[in-house]
Protein backbone atom coordinates (compact mmCIF):
# COMPACT_ATOMS: atom_id res chain seq x y z
CA UNK A 1 234.10 67.52 -65.28
CA UNK A 2 232.09 69.19 -68.09
CA UNK A 3 228.34 69.54 -68.61
CA UNK A 4 228.29 66.56 -70.96
CA UNK A 5 229.68 64.20 -68.31
CA UNK A 6 228.30 65.78 -65.13
CA UNK A 7 225.12 64.23 -63.72
CA UNK A 8 224.75 67.20 -61.39
CA UNK A 9 221.42 68.95 -61.72
CA UNK A 10 218.50 70.42 -59.80
CA UNK A 11 214.99 69.41 -60.87
CA UNK A 12 211.49 69.70 -59.46
CA UNK A 13 207.90 68.75 -60.15
CA UNK A 14 204.57 69.60 -58.52
CA UNK A 15 201.63 67.29 -57.92
CA UNK A 16 198.18 68.59 -56.99
CA UNK A 17 197.10 65.97 -54.46
CA UNK A 18 193.57 67.41 -54.11
CA UNK A 19 192.92 67.06 -57.85
CA UNK A 20 194.99 63.89 -58.20
CA UNK A 21 197.01 65.23 -61.13
CA UNK A 22 200.17 67.15 -62.04
CA UNK A 23 200.06 70.88 -61.30
CA UNK A 24 200.36 72.39 -64.79
CA UNK A 25 201.17 76.07 -65.22
CA UNK A 26 202.42 76.66 -61.66
CA UNK A 27 205.02 79.44 -61.48
CA UNK A 28 208.29 78.70 -59.65
CA UNK A 29 211.01 81.19 -58.76
CA UNK A 30 214.49 79.72 -58.20
CA UNK A 31 216.96 81.63 -56.00
CA UNK A 32 220.55 81.32 -54.83
CA UNK A 33 221.14 82.44 -51.24
CA UNK A 34 224.39 83.87 -49.96
CA UNK A 35 224.11 85.00 -46.34
CA UNK A 36 221.28 87.52 -46.36
CA UNK A 37 221.52 88.10 -50.13
CA UNK A 38 218.92 86.40 -52.35
CA UNK A 39 219.58 86.27 -56.11
CA UNK A 40 216.91 85.19 -58.59
CA UNK A 41 218.41 82.63 -60.97
CA UNK A 42 215.28 82.03 -63.04
CA UNK A 43 211.49 81.87 -63.09
CA UNK A 44 209.75 78.97 -64.78
CA UNK A 45 206.29 77.41 -65.04
CA UNK A 46 205.46 73.73 -64.87
CA UNK A 47 204.39 71.92 -68.03
CA UNK A 48 201.33 69.66 -68.44
CA UNK A 49 203.16 66.92 -66.51
CA UNK A 50 203.84 69.27 -63.55
CA UNK A 51 207.54 69.34 -64.41
CA UNK A 52 209.94 71.95 -65.74
CA UNK A 53 211.02 71.47 -69.34
CA UNK A 54 214.70 71.48 -68.33
CA UNK A 55 216.73 71.29 -65.11
CA UNK A 56 216.80 74.47 -63.04
CA UNK A 57 220.59 74.17 -62.87
CA UNK A 58 222.86 71.57 -64.46
CA UNK A 59 226.36 70.54 -65.45
CA UNK A 60 229.10 73.12 -65.12
CA UNK A 61 226.59 75.66 -63.78
CA UNK A 62 226.09 73.53 -60.62
CA UNK A 63 227.80 74.62 -57.41
CA UNK A 64 227.53 73.90 -53.70
CA UNK A 65 225.42 76.31 -51.70
CA UNK A 66 221.97 77.17 -50.42
CA UNK A 67 219.03 77.55 -52.79
CA UNK A 68 215.34 78.32 -52.53
CA UNK A 69 212.37 77.38 -54.68
CA UNK A 70 209.29 79.56 -54.27
CA UNK A 71 206.17 77.82 -55.57
CA UNK A 72 203.32 80.25 -56.40
CA UNK A 73 200.61 77.94 -55.10
CA UNK A 74 197.97 80.63 -54.42
CA UNK A 75 197.96 81.73 -58.07
CA UNK A 76 197.81 78.12 -59.27
CA UNK A 77 194.89 77.24 -56.98
CA UNK A 78 192.90 80.16 -58.34
CA UNK A 79 192.94 82.49 -55.37
CA UNK A 80 189.68 84.42 -55.01
CA UNK A 81 189.02 87.76 -53.31
CA UNK A 82 189.34 85.91 -50.00
CA UNK A 83 192.69 85.23 -48.43
CA UNK A 84 194.02 81.80 -49.41
CA UNK A 85 195.47 79.54 -46.75
CA UNK A 86 198.54 78.92 -48.92
CA UNK A 87 200.06 81.56 -51.16
CA UNK A 88 203.78 81.22 -51.85
CA UNK A 89 205.47 78.06 -50.60
CA UNK A 90 209.24 78.48 -50.10
CA UNK A 91 211.49 75.42 -49.97
CA UNK A 92 215.07 76.15 -48.92
CA UNK A 93 217.69 73.42 -49.40
CA UNK A 94 221.43 72.93 -49.56
CA UNK A 95 223.63 71.43 -52.26
CA UNK A 96 226.73 69.71 -50.88
CA UNK A 97 227.77 67.73 -53.97
CA UNK A 98 227.39 69.62 -57.28
CA UNK A 99 227.92 66.35 -59.21
CA UNK A 100 224.72 64.84 -57.74
CA UNK A 101 221.10 65.03 -58.83
CA UNK A 102 218.91 67.00 -56.42
CA UNK A 103 215.21 66.51 -57.16
CA UNK A 104 212.91 68.66 -54.99
CA UNK A 105 209.24 67.79 -55.62
CA UNK A 106 206.22 69.49 -54.05
CA UNK A 107 202.96 67.75 -53.22
CA UNK A 108 200.29 70.40 -52.70
CA UNK A 109 196.62 70.84 -51.84
CA UNK A 110 194.72 73.99 -50.84
CA UNK A 111 195.47 73.37 -47.14
CA UNK A 112 198.83 71.64 -46.99
CA UNK A 113 202.01 70.58 -48.74
CA UNK A 114 205.02 68.30 -48.37
CA UNK A 115 208.40 67.98 -50.01
CA UNK A 116 211.35 65.60 -49.92
CA UNK A 117 214.57 64.85 -51.76
CA UNK A 118 213.48 62.68 -54.64
CA UNK A 119 215.42 60.80 -57.27
């Protein structure tokens, strides 16, 4: 299966539930995990719609394994000199079927967050 025919991809978006809008400009680091090793695949920032401009991984680049998204929530929320309740939010997840779409959204506020496998 080549990239043109493969639907396999990893995507994300971030919604700021306190503000009731997409979280624009939020930095996300995307890692591959292999045992205790952690390899940075890429760093991106969300666009005005709270999404990345392209999939984090797609097509022939997809493979089964364990991945981690680290959302830099503290920087986005405008951390002050005080310690923020949330700083970096890690979301670790597994890919079993590289031909599938894995959408990993984050809903965030200054004092909590949630995630799920979206569509």
